[in-house]
Protein backbone atom coordinates (compact mmCIF):
# COMPACT_ATOMS: atom_id res chain seq x y z
CA MET A 1 99.87 99.45 91.58
CA ILE A 2 96.81 100.97 92.01
CA ARG A 3 96.00 101.65 95.77
CA ILE A 4 92.11 103.53 97.01
CA LEU A 5 92.23 104.83 100.80
CA ASN A 6 89.14 105.76 102.39
CA GLN A 7 88.09 107.04 105.55
CA GLY A 8 85.31 104.38 106.55
CA PRO A 9 84.67 101.87 109.35
CA GLY A 10 87.10 99.31 107.86
CA ILE A 11 86.60 95.98 107.63
CA PRO A 12 86.93 93.46 111.28
CA GLU A 13 90.37 91.97 110.96
CA ASP A 14 88.65 88.07 111.04
CA ARG A 15 86.72 88.91 108.32
CA LEU A 16 88.80 90.67 105.60
CA GLU A 17 89.43 87.72 103.68
CA ASN A 18 85.52 86.66 103.79
CA VAL A 19 84.54 89.83 101.73
CA PHE A 20 86.17 88.13 98.08
CA ALA A 21 84.21 85.33 98.84
CA PRO A 22 80.80 85.08 96.05
CA TYR A 23 77.71 86.78 98.10
CA TYR A 24 79.05 87.18 101.16
CA ARG A 25 78.34 91.46 102.41
CA LEU A 26 79.19 92.54 106.24
CA GLU A 27 76.28 94.35 106.05
CA ILE A 28 72.73 92.58 105.82
CA SER A 29 70.77 96.28 105.44
CA ARG A 30 72.66 95.86 101.39
CA ASN A 31 70.96 92.76 100.00
CA ARG A 32 69.27 92.30 96.08
CA ASP A 33 66.60 93.97 97.32
CA THR A 34 68.55 97.31 97.83
CA GLY A 35 70.90 96.40 94.07
CA CYS A 36 73.62 94.80 96.44
CA THR A 37 74.46 90.93 95.37
CA GLY A 38 78.00 90.72 97.17
CA LEU A 39 79.65 89.99 94.15
CA GLY A 40 82.07 92.83 93.24
CA LEU A 41 84.50 92.27 95.44
CA SER A 42 84.95 88.32 93.98
CA ILE A 43 84.95 89.69 90.16
CA ALA A 44 87.61 92.37 91.15
CA GLN A 45 89.64 89.29 92.37
CA ASP A 46 88.99 87.03 90.19
CA ILE A 47 89.83 89.64 87.45
CA ALA A 48 93.33 90.27 89.04
CA HIS A 49 94.40 86.77 89.18
CA ALA A 50 93.47 86.58 85.83
CA HIS A 51 96.03 89.25 84.65
CA GLY A 52 98.56 87.71 86.87
CA GLY A 53 97.92 90.09 89.77
CA LYS A 54 96.67 90.40 93.50
CA LEU A 55 93.64 92.60 94.88
CA SER A 56 94.26 92.94 99.05
CA LEU A 57 92.05 95.06 101.74
CA HIS A 58 94.33 96.43 104.69
CA ASN A 59 92.55 98.34 107.50
CA THR A 60 94.85 101.88 107.83
CA MET A 61 95.90 103.12 111.09
CA ALA A 62 94.16 106.12 110.40
CA GLY A 63 91.01 104.40 110.20
CA GLY A 64 89.32 103.57 106.84
CA LEU A 65 90.32 100.93 104.44
CA GLU A 66 92.58 100.56 102.01
CA ALA A 67 92.65 98.65 98.43
CA VAL A 68 95.40 97.37 96.50
CA LEU A 69 95.15 96.37 93.26
CA VAL A 70 98.83 94.97 91.77
CA LEU A 71 99.60 93.69 88.39
CA PRO A 72 102.73 93.01 86.88
CA ARG A 73 104.11 94.62 84.19
CA VAL A 74 104.10 93.80 80.76
CA ASP A 75 106.44 95.51 78.22
CA GLU A 76 105.24 95.80 74.56
CA PRO A 77 107.15 93.97 71.89
CA LYS A 78 109.95 95.38 69.86
CA LYS A 79 108.69 96.53 66.62
CA ASN A 80 110.45 95.33 63.54
CA GLY A 81 111.80 98.20 61.23
């Protein structure tokens, strides 16, 4: 599990799942002209799912946002000899 916390404004609860949709942006100031396409979280979630994991976002009680990436543990195969 990897947890990342920030102290920003968080995301409105009713929009937490929307941010994983391709091209979805919370701020209109972030656009293709400023280098943002709204694909980052969508791609990150797809990669997590492809590896059998899950990416989730949660607002924290202290303010800010927590991103949690959970990946399954894969044991290395035992070597002969």
